[in-house]
Amino acid sequence: MLTSPRMIESLLQKCRPRYTSRLQFWVQLLRETQVQRMVEIGVYQGEFAAAIFEVCDRIERYYLIDPWRHLPKWNKPFNTDDRDFERIFAIAQRNTDFAGTRRVILRGTTTEVIDQIADGELDFAYIDGDHTLRGITIDLVRVYSKIHMGGLIGGDDFCDSIWYHSSQFEPTLVFPFAVYFAEAVGAAIYALPNMQFCLYKPEKPKFQFVDLTGGRFRELSLRNQFAPQKCFKLMLGERFPRLTRIAAKAKAAFR
């Protein structure tokens, strides 16, 4: 168990320079922290889980949470129809079948199935599900009690821009909501390369936000994200993508 923010920051700094992909990073961190029980929220085809099962042999129970169905309130590109999700679910099962009894599939939304995990049971949670404001709020709030003191929560799509997808989809708000959540519960949270974050649950609440990306997250407010000129630029780029690319190349040439 990690006993201080200083310890987790030292470990993150140790793992961070070694690997270029999110998967390599988390595999190393899980091995270093000797995680035994974890949950992944947002499994899709199960590649992430399969890779962790292959190399993290200390894991004795790995919960896989995903509805694998069309969700009417989820306005994101991966929200396809139920027939497609049945195919994806079958792939996820095949990809992780080799894990045997270490794998526990909980098919449903976070609110539907999370209470099948006992409070304080988990060493680690990885959140890669619904990245809208509604989704990350539900996932973080509901999973936090399942992590024991000294445990970790990691996550994907910690983007400095909320417009990770086009404007026809809901904004991606893992950042800054995860930072606000950490402040509310008194946890330490670290911004990592490859759009990842890591939150540490301390025994004594103490909030801190540490940017380990080289300074990408200087601004925590959303005011500039919704500035009229930025929204206009986004709309223009989506409507006239070719013209936008030409303008960007011309700007780069004159630098």
C-alpha atoms as a PDB file:
ATOM      1  CA  MET A   1       0.000   0.000   0.000  1.00  0.00           C
ATOM      2  CA  LEU A   2       1.194   3.499  -0.808  1.00  0.00           C
ATOM      3  CA  THR A   3       1.401   5.609   2.323  1.00  0.00           C
ATOM      4  CA  SER A   4       1.918   9.175   1.097  1.00  0.00           C
ATOM      5  CA  PRO A   5       1.499  11.469  -1.911  1.00  0.00           C
ATOM      6  CA  ARG A   6       5.283  11.794  -1.991  1.00  0.00           C
ATOM      7  CA  MET A   7       5.591   8.031  -2.442  1.00  0.00           C
ATOM      8  CA  ILE A   8       3.082   7.873  -5.305  1.00  0.00           C
ATOM      9  CA  GLU A   9       4.636  10.893  -7.023  1.00  0.00           C
ATOM     10  CA  SER A  10       8.064   9.277  -6.821  1.00  0.00           C
ATOM     11  CA  LEU A  11       6.660   6.069  -8.300  1.00  0.00           C
ATOM     12  CA  LEU A  12       4.872   7.923 -11.098  1.00  0.00           C
ATOM     13  CA  GLN A  13       8.057   9.792 -11.938  1.00  0.00           C
ATOM     14  CA  LYS A  14       9.912   6.482 -12.017  1.00  0.00           C
ATOM     15  CA  CYS A  15       7.432   4.831 -14.398  1.00  0.00           C
ATOM     16  CA  ARG A  16       6.634   7.852 -16.571  1.00  0.00           C
ATOM     17  CA  PRO A  17       9.800   8.197 -18.723  1.00  0.00           C
ATOM     18  CA  ARG A  18      10.107   4.510 -19.528  1.00  0.00           C
ATOM     19  CA  TYR A  19       7.117   3.960 -21.739  1.00  0.00           C
ATOM     20  CA  THR A  20       5.397   5.717 -24.618  1.00  0.00           C
ATOM     21  CA  SER A  21       1.938   4.098 -24.419  1.00  0.00           C
ATOM     22  CA  ARG A  22      -0.707   4.238 -21.707  1.00  0.00           C
ATOM     23  CA  LEU A  23      -0.828   0.447 -21.528  1.00  0.00           C
ATOM     24  CA  GLN A  24       2.911   0.082 -20.918  1.00  0.00           C
ATOM     25  CA  PHE A  25       2.750   2.729 -18.218  1.00  0.00           C
ATOM     26  CA  TRP A  26      -0.141   1.187 -16.301  1.00  0.00           C
ATOM     27  CA  VAL A  27       1.261  -2.331 -16.548  1.00  0.00           C
ATOM     28  CA  GLN A  28       4.486  -1.104 -14.962  1.00  0.00           C
ATOM     29  CA  LEU A  29       2.646   0.821 -12.248  1.00  0.00           C
ATOM     30  CA  LEU A  30       0.385  -2.125 -11.386  1.00  0.00           C
ATOM     31  CA  ARG A  31       3.388  -4.388 -11.088  1.00  0.00           C
ATOM     32  CA  GLU A  32       5.288  -1.890  -8.947  1.00  0.00           C
ATOM     33  CA  THR A  33       2.323  -1.451  -6.590  1.00  0.00           C
ATOM     34  CA  GLN A  34       1.516  -5.198  -6.573  1.00  0.00           C
ATOM     35  CA  VAL A  35      -2.162  -4.657  -7.266  1.00  0.00           C
ATOM     36  CA  GLN A  36      -4.315  -7.696  -6.468  1.00  0.00           C
ATOM     37  CA  ARG A  37      -7.876  -6.443  -6.902  1.00  0.00           C
ATOM     38  CA  MET A  38      -9.018  -3.923  -9.464  1.00  0.00           C
ATOM     39  CA  VAL A  39     -11.873  -2.792 -11.658  1.00  0.00           C
ATOM     40  CA  GLU A  40     -11.935  -1.456 -15.204  1.00  0.00           C
ATOM     41  CA  ILE A  41     -14.909   0.728 -16.134  1.00  0.00           C
ATOM     42  CA  GLY A  42     -15.359   0.876 -19.900  1.00  0.00           C
ATOM     43  CA  VAL A  43     -13.942  -2.365 -21.277  1.00  0.00           C
ATOM     44  CA  TYR A  44     -15.084  -2.353 -24.912  1.00  0.00           C
ATOM     45  CA  GLN A  45     -13.219  -5.234 -26.651  1.00  0.00           C
ATOM     46  CA  GLY A  46     -11.112  -6.123 -23.625  1.00  0.00           C
ATOM     47  CA  GLU A  47      -7.640  -5.495 -25.078  1.00  0.00           C
ATOM     48  CA  PHE A  48      -6.522  -3.445 -22.065  1.00  0.00           C
ATOM     49  CA  ALA A  49      -7.668  -6.119 -19.616  1.00  0.00           C
ATOM     50  CA  ALA A  50      -6.110  -8.936 -21.648  1.00  0.00           C
ATOM     51  CA  ALA A  51      -2.727  -7.211 -21.713  1.00  0.00           C
ATOM     52  CA  ILE A  52      -2.800  -6.683 -17.948  1.00  0.00           C
ATOM     53  CA  PHE A  53      -3.844 -10.276 -17.256  1.00  0.00           C
ATOM     54  CA  GLU A  54      -0.913 -11.514 -19.334  1.00  0.00           C
ATOM     55  CA  VAL A  55       1.809  -9.786 -17.324  1.00  0.00           C
ATOM     56  CA  CYS A  56       0.328  -8.897 -13.905  1.00  0.00           C
ATOM     57  CA  ASP A  57       0.091 -12.337 -12.340  1.00  0.00           C
ATOM     58  CA  ARG A  58      -0.483 -10.941  -8.836  1.00  0.00           C
ATOM     59  CA  ILE A  59      -3.991  -9.824  -9.809  1.00  0.00           C
ATOM     60  CA  GLU A  60      -6.424 -12.250  -8.206  1.00  0.00           C
ATOM     61  CA  ARG A  61      -9.676 -10.464  -9.089  1.00  0.00           C
ATOM     62  CA  TYR A  62     -10.309  -8.115 -11.996  1.00  0.00           C
ATOM     63  CA  TYR A  63     -13.825  -6.717 -12.393  1.00  0.00           C
ATOM     64  CA  LEU A  64     -14.871  -5.743 -15.928  1.00  0.00           C
ATOM     65  CA  ILE A  65     -17.702  -3.190 -15.971  1.00  0.00           C
ATOM     66  CA  ASP A  66     -19.352  -2.246 -19.249  1.00  0.00           C
ATOM     67  CA  PRO A  67     -23.013  -2.145 -20.340  1.00  0.00           C
ATOM     68  CA  TRP A  68     -22.189  -3.458 -23.836  1.00  0.00           C
ATOM     69  CA  ARG A  69     -25.438  -1.950 -25.091  1.00  0.00           C
ATOM     70  CA  HIS A  70     -26.695   1.223 -26.723  1.00  0.00           C
ATOM     71  CA  LEU A  71     -27.230   3.979 -24.165  1.00  0.00           C
ATOM     72  CA  PRO A  72     -29.787   6.676 -25.054  1.00  0.00           C
ATOM     73  CA  LYS A  73     -28.096   9.322 -22.857  1.00  0.00           C
ATOM     74  CA  TRP A  74     -24.541   8.750 -24.116  1.00  0.00           C
ATOM     75  CA  ASN A  75     -23.748  11.120 -26.993  1.00  0.00           C
ATOM     76  CA  LYS A  76     -20.330   9.794 -28.025  1.00  0.00           C
ATOM     77  CA  PRO A  77     -18.982   8.129 -31.229  1.00  0.00           C
ATOM     78  CA  PHE A  78     -18.722   4.606 -29.779  1.00  0.00           C
ATOM     79  CA  ASN A  79     -22.422   4.447 -28.857  1.00  0.00           C
ATOM     80  CA  THR A  80     -23.471   2.094 -31.641  1.00  0.00           C
ATOM     81  CA  ASP A  81     -26.484  -0.252 -31.820  1.00  0.00           C
ATOM     82  CA  ASP A  82     -27.166  -3.306 -29.650  1.00  0.00           C
ATOM     83  CA  ARG A  83     -26.301  -5.790 -32.397  1.00  0.00           C
ATOM     84  CA  ASP A  84     -22.837  -4.266 -32.717  1.00  0.00           C
ATOM     85  CA  PHE A  85     -22.391  -4.319 -28.945  1.00  0.00           C
ATOM     86  CA  GLU A  86     -23.234  -8.032 -28.798  1.00  0.00           C
ATOM     87  CA  ARG A  87     -20.389  -8.640 -31.246  1.00  0.00           C
ATOM     88  CA  ILE A  88     -18.046  -6.433 -29.180  1.00  0.00           C
ATOM     89  CA  PHE A  89     -19.048  -8.224 -25.977  1.00  0.00           C
ATOM     90  CA  ALA A  90     -18.232 -11.591 -27.546  1.00  0.00           C
ATOM     91  CA  ILE A  91     -14.797 -10.274 -28.544  1.00  0.00           C
ATOM     92  CA  ALA A  92     -14.171  -8.990 -24.999  1.00  0.00           C
ATOM     93  CA  GLN A  93     -15.077 -12.398 -23.597  1.00  0.00           C
ATOM     94  CA  ARG A  94     -12.753 -14.216 -26.008  1.00  0.00           C
ATOM     95  CA  ASN A  95      -9.910 -11.814 -25.315  1.00  0.00           C
ATOM     96  CA  THR A  96     -10.072 -12.420 -21.566  1.00  0.00           C
ATOM     97  CA  ASP A  97     -11.288 -16.036 -21.319  1.00  0.00           C
ATOM     98  CA  PHE A  98      -7.756 -17.209 -20.532  1.00  0.00           C
ATOM     99  CA  ALA A  99      -7.861 -15.313 -17.203  1.00  0.00           C
ATOM    100  CA  GLY A 100     -10.310 -17.872 -15.846  1.00  0.00           C
ATOM    101  CA  THR A 101     -11.686 -17.216 -12.356  1.00  0.00           C
ATOM    102  CA  ARG A 102      -9.599 -14.059 -11.937  1.00  0.00           C
ATOM    103  CA  ARG A 103     -12.011 -12.324 -14.318  1.00  0.00           C
ATOM    104  CA  VAL A 104     -15.416 -11.110 -13.075  1.00  0.00           C
ATOM    105  CA  ILE A 105     -17.714  -9.634 -15.748  1.00  0.00           C
ATOM    106  CA  LEU A 106     -20.302  -7.160 -14.500  1.00  0.00           C
ATOM    107  CA  ARG A 107     -22.429  -6.268 -17.500  1.00  0.00           C
ATOM    108  CA  GLY A 108     -24.273  -3.018 -16.883  1.00  0.00           C
ATOM    109  CA  THR A 109     -23.729   0.666 -16.252  1.00  0.00           C
ATOM    110  CA  THR A 110     -21.675   1.759 -13.253  1.00  0.00           C
ATOM    111  CA  THR A 111     -24.770   2.603 -11.228  1.00  0.00           C
ATOM    112  CA  GLU A 112     -26.366  -0.750 -12.069  1.00  0.00           C
ATOM    113  CA  VAL A 113     -23.490  -3.021 -11.003  1.00  0.00           C
ATOM    114  CA  ILE A 114     -20.888  -1.182  -8.894  1.00  0.00           C
ATOM    115  CA  ASP A 115     -22.410  -2.281  -5.580  1.00  0.00           C
ATOM    116  CA  GLN A 116     -21.548  -5.880  -6.392  1.00  0.00           C
ATOM    117  CA  ILE A 117     -18.064  -4.762  -5.302  1.00  0.00           C
ATOM    118  CA  ALA A 118     -17.585  -4.247  -1.562  1.00  0.00           C
ATOM    119  CA  ASP A 119     -16.500  -0.893  -0.196  1.00  0.00           C
ATOM    120  CA  GLY A 120     -12.739  -0.765   0.321  1.00  0.00           C
ATOM    121  CA  GLU A 121     -12.157  -3.963  -1.651  1.00  0.00           C
ATOM    122  CA  LEU A 122     -10.064  -2.559  -4.505  1.00  0.00           C
ATOM    123  CA  ASP A 123      -6.425  -1.558  -4.846  1.00  0.00           C
ATOM    124  CA  PHE A 124      -6.987   0.136  -8.189  1.00  0.00           C
ATOM    125  CA  ALA A 125      -9.708   1.330 -10.569  1.00  0.00           C
ATOM    126  CA  TYR A 126      -9.234   2.305 -14.205  1.00  0.00           C
ATOM    127  CA  ILE A 127     -11.929   4.552 -15.710  1.00  0.00           C
ATOM    128  CA  ASP A 128     -12.290   4.600 -19.484  1.00  0.00           C
ATOM    129  CA  GLY A 129     -16.045   4.728 -19.963  1.00  0.00           C
ATOM    130  CA  ASP A 130     -18.396   7.650 -20.542  1.00  0.00           C
ATOM    131  CA  HIS A 131     -16.144  10.734 -20.685  1.00  0.00           C
ATOM    132  CA  THR A 132     -18.978  13.267 -20.664  1.00  0.00           C
ATOM    133  CA  LEU A 133     -19.494  15.382 -17.540  1.00  0.00           C
ATOM    134  CA  ARG A 134     -22.358  13.125 -16.487  1.00  0.00           C
ATOM    135  CA  GLY A 135     -20.321   9.978 -17.099  1.00  0.00           C
ATOM    136  CA  ILE A 136     -17.101  10.907 -15.296  1.00  0.00           C
ATOM    137  CA  THR A 137     -19.133  12.296 -12.384  1.00  0.00           C
ATOM    138  CA  ILE A 138     -21.000   9.019 -11.912  1.00  0.00           C
ATOM    139  CA  ASP A 139     -17.904   6.845 -12.366  1.00  0.00           C
ATOM    140  CA  LEU A 140     -15.673   8.734  -9.928  1.00  0.00           C
ATOM    141  CA  VAL A 141     -18.327   9.276  -7.268  1.00  0.00           C
ATOM    142  CA  ARG A 142     -19.512   5.659  -7.301  1.00  0.00           C
ATOM    143  CA  VAL A 143     -16.106   3.967  -7.496  1.00  0.00           C
ATOM    144  CA  TYR A 144     -14.308   6.059  -4.863  1.00  0.00           C
ATOM    145  CA  SER A 145     -15.724   4.175  -1.865  1.00  0.00           C
ATOM    146  CA  LYS A 146     -14.651   0.869  -3.434  1.00  0.00           C
ATOM    147  CA  ILE A 147     -10.965   1.881  -3.204  1.00  0.00           C
ATOM    148  CA  HIS A 148      -9.185   1.286   0.091  1.00  0.00           C
ATOM    149  CA  MET A 149      -7.025   3.956   1.719  1.00  0.00           C
ATOM    150  CA  GLY A 150      -3.724   4.137  -0.104  1.00  0.00           C
ATOM    151  CA  GLY A 151      -5.312   2.844  -3.318  1.00  0.00           C
ATOM    152  CA  LEU A 152      -5.340   4.436  -6.760  1.00  0.00           C
ATOM    153  CA  ILE A 153      -7.751   5.479  -9.494  1.00  0.00           C
ATOM    154  CA  GLY A 154      -6.415   5.887 -13.014  1.00  0.00           C
ATOM    155  CA  GLY A 155      -8.197   7.121 -16.085  1.00  0.00           C
ATOM    156  CA  ASP A 156      -8.069   7.903 -19.779  1.00  0.00           C
ATOM    157  CA  ASP A 157      -8.992  10.950 -21.915  1.00  0.00           C
ATOM    158  CA  PHE A 158      -7.624  13.502 -19.447  1.00  0.00           C
ATOM    159  CA  CYS A 159      -7.482  16.099 -22.237  1.00  0.00           C
ATOM    160  CA  ASP A 160      -6.550  19.750 -21.923  1.00  0.00           C
ATOM    161  CA  SER A 161      -9.290  20.503 -24.484  1.00  0.00           C
ATOM    162  CA  ILE A 162     -12.910  19.534 -23.888  1.00  0.00           C
ATOM    163  CA  TRP A 163     -13.408  19.292 -27.674  1.00  0.00           C
ATOM    164  CA  TYR A 164     -11.742  15.895 -28.065  1.00  0.00           C
ATOM    165  CA  HIS A 165     -14.491  14.890 -30.506  1.00  0.00           C
ATOM    166  CA  SER A 166     -16.399  17.150 -32.870  1.00  0.00           C
ATOM    167  CA  SER A 167     -18.983  19.600 -31.553  1.00  0.00           C
ATOM    168  CA  GLN A 168     -21.857  17.270 -32.507  1.00  0.00           C
ATOM    169  CA  PHE A 169     -20.896  15.176 -29.469  1.00  0.00           C
ATOM    170  CA  GLU A 170     -20.924  16.038 -25.778  1.00  0.00           C
ATOM    171  CA  PRO A 171     -17.659  17.638 -24.580  1.00  0.00           C
ATOM    172  CA  THR A 172     -15.040  15.427 -22.927  1.00  0.00           C
ATOM    173  CA  LEU A 173     -14.816  16.618 -19.309  1.00  0.00           C
ATOM    174  CA  VAL A 174     -12.599  14.124 -17.500  1.00  0.00           C
ATOM    175  CA  PHE A 175     -10.447  17.219 -17.099  1.00  0.00           C
ATOM    176  CA  PRO A 176     -11.124  19.374 -15.182  1.00  0.00           C
ATOM    177  CA  PHE A 177     -13.857  17.432 -13.315  1.00  0.00           C
ATOM    178  CA  ALA A 178     -11.417  14.810 -11.958  1.00  0.00           C
ATOM    179  CA  VAL A 179      -9.361  17.633 -10.437  1.00  0.00           C
ATOM    180  CA  TYR A 180     -12.442  19.187  -8.845  1.00  0.00           C
ATOM    181  CA  PHE A 181     -13.454  15.782  -7.503  1.00  0.00           C
ATOM    182  CA  ALA A 182      -9.994  15.232  -5.987  1.00  0.00           C
ATOM    183  CA  GLU A 183     -10.253  18.611  -4.258  1.00  0.00           C
ATOM    184  CA  ALA A 184     -13.707  17.751  -2.895  1.00  0.00           C
ATOM    185  CA  VAL A 185     -12.579  14.470  -1.323  1.00  0.00           C
ATOM    186  CA  GLY A 186      -9.082  15.611  -0.332  1.00  0.00           C
ATOM    187  CA  ALA A 187      -7.103  13.403  -2.702  1.00  0.00           C
ATOM    188  CA  ALA A 188      -3.903  13.928  -4.664  1.00  0.00           C
ATOM    189  CA  ILE A 189      -4.250  13.827  -8.441  1.00  0.00           C
ATOM    190  CA  TYR A 190      -1.541  13.698 -11.101  1.00  0.00           C
ATOM    191  CA  ALA A 191      -1.794  14.649 -14.769  1.00  0.00           C
ATOM    192  CA  LEU A 192       0.221  12.178 -16.868  1.00  0.00           C
ATOM    193  CA  PRO A 193       1.351  11.885 -20.503  1.00  0.00           C
ATOM    194  CA  ASN A 194      -0.868  10.096 -23.041  1.00  0.00           C
ATOM    195  CA  MET A 195      -3.976  11.823 -21.629  1.00  0.00           C
ATOM    196  CA  GLN A 196      -3.905   9.812 -18.404  1.00  0.00           C
ATOM    197  CA  PHE A 197      -4.497  10.753 -14.774  1.00  0.00           C
ATOM    198  CA  CYS A 198      -3.808   9.045 -11.467  1.00  0.00           C
ATOM    199  CA  LEU A 199      -5.648   9.817  -8.232  1.00  0.00           C
ATOM    200  CA  TYR A 200      -4.316   8.714  -4.837  1.00  0.00           C
ATOM    201  CA  LYS A 201      -6.720   8.107  -1.931  1.00  0.00           C
ATOM    202  CA  PRO A 202      -4.872   9.109   1.268  1.00  0.00           C
ATOM    203  CA  GLU A 203      -5.662   8.180   4.839  1.00  0.00           C
ATOM    204  CA  LYS A 204      -5.600  11.860   5.810  1.00  0.00           C
ATOM    205  CA  PRO A 205      -7.377  14.032   3.207  1.00  0.00           C
ATOM    206  CA  LYS A 206      -5.053  16.521   1.534  1.00  0.00           C
ATOM    207  CA  PHE A 207      -5.697  17.846  -1.947  1.00  0.00           C
ATOM    208  CA  GLN A 208      -2.980  18.551  -4.458  1.00  0.00           C
ATOM    209  CA  PHE A 209      -2.838  18.674  -8.242  1.00  0.00           C
ATOM    210  CA  VAL A 210       0.507  17.862  -9.824  1.00  0.00           C
ATOM    211  CA  ASP A 211       1.057  18.278 -13.559  1.00  0.00           C
ATOM    212  CA  LEU A 212       3.622  15.741 -14.786  1.00  0.00           C
ATOM    213  CA  THR A 213       3.041  16.560 -18.466  1.00  0.00           C
ATOM    214  CA  GLY A 214       5.361  19.547 -18.688  1.00  0.00           C
ATOM    215  CA  GLY A 215       2.757  22.218 -18.036  1.00  0.00           C
ATOM    216  CA  ARG A 216      -0.206  21.405 -20.308  1.00  0.00           C
ATOM    217  CA  PHE A 217      -2.744  21.971 -17.530  1.00  0.00           C
ATOM    218  CA  ARG A 218      -2.166  25.529 -16.366  1.00  0.00           C
ATOM    219  CA  GLU A 219      -5.819  26.586 -16.626  1.00  0.00           C
ATOM    220  CA  LEU A 220      -8.464  24.718 -14.596  1.00  0.00           C
ATOM    221  CA  SER A 221     -11.460  26.859 -15.524  1.00  0.00           C
ATOM    222  CA  LEU A 222     -13.703  26.331 -18.557  1.00  0.00           C
ATOM    223  CA  ARG A 223     -14.091  29.990 -19.522  1.00  0.00           C
ATOM    224  CA  ASN A 224     -11.524  29.919 -22.335  1.00  0.00           C
ATOM    225  CA  GLN A 225     -12.827  26.588 -23.608  1.00  0.00           C
ATOM    226  CA  PHE A 226     -16.191  28.190 -24.349  1.00  0.00           C
ATOM    227  CA  ALA A 227     -14.863  31.548 -25.553  1.00  0.00           C
ATOM    228  CA  PRO A 228     -16.801  32.715 -28.654  1.00  0.00           C
ATOM    229  CA  GLN A 229     -13.662  32.933 -30.819  1.00  0.00           C
ATOM    230  CA  LYS A 230     -12.651  29.380 -29.907  1.00  0.00           C
ATOM    231  CA  CYS A 231     -16.121  28.019 -30.629  1.00  0.00           C
ATOM    232  CA  PHE A 232     -16.197  29.884 -33.939  1.00  0.00           C
ATOM    233  CA  LYS A 233     -12.793  28.461 -34.900  1.00  0.00           C
ATOM    234  CA  LEU A 234     -14.001  24.952 -34.023  1.00  0.00           C
ATOM    235  CA  MET A 235     -17.167  25.366 -36.089  1.00  0.00           C
ATOM    236  CA  LEU A 236     -15.192  26.776 -39.024  1.00  0.00           C
ATOM    237  CA  GLY A 237     -12.725  23.879 -38.907  1.00  0.00           C
ATOM    238  CA  GLU A 238     -15.513  21.312 -38.930  1.00  0.00           C
ATOM    239  CA  ARG A 239     -17.394  22.967 -41.765  1.00  0.00           C
ATOM    240  CA  PHE A 240     -14.364  23.726 -43.952  1.00  0.00           C
ATOM    241  CA  PRO A 241     -11.680  21.190 -42.956  1.00  0.00           C
ATOM    242  CA  ARG A 242      -9.655  21.510 -46.163  1.00  0.00           C
ATOM    243  CA  LEU A 243      -9.493  25.300 -45.937  1.00  0.00           C
ATOM    244  CA  THR A 244      -8.452  25.032 -42.275  1.00  0.00           C
ATOM    245  CA  ARG A 245      -5.602  22.663 -43.130  1.00  0.00           C
ATOM    246  CA  ILE A 246      -4.366  24.997 -45.869  1.00  0.00           C
ATOM    247  CA  ALA A 247      -4.463  27.958 -43.464  1.00  0.00           C
ATOM    248  CA  ALA A 248      -2.561  25.989 -40.815  1.00  0.00           C
ATOM    249  CA  LYS A 249       0.169  25.028 -43.308  1.00  0.00           C
ATOM    250  CA  ALA A 250       0.479  28.631 -44.484  1.00  0.00           C
ATOM    251  CA  LYS A 251       0.782  29.855 -40.901  1.00  0.00           C
ATOM    252  CA  ALA A 252       3.473  27.275 -40.156  1.00  0.00           C
ATOM    253  CA  ALA A 253       5.434  28.264 -43.280  1.00  0.00           C
ATOM    254  CA  PHE A 254       5.686  31.891 -42.152  1.00  0.00           C
ATOM    255  CA  ARG A 255       6.908  31.132 -38.655  1.00  0.00           C
END
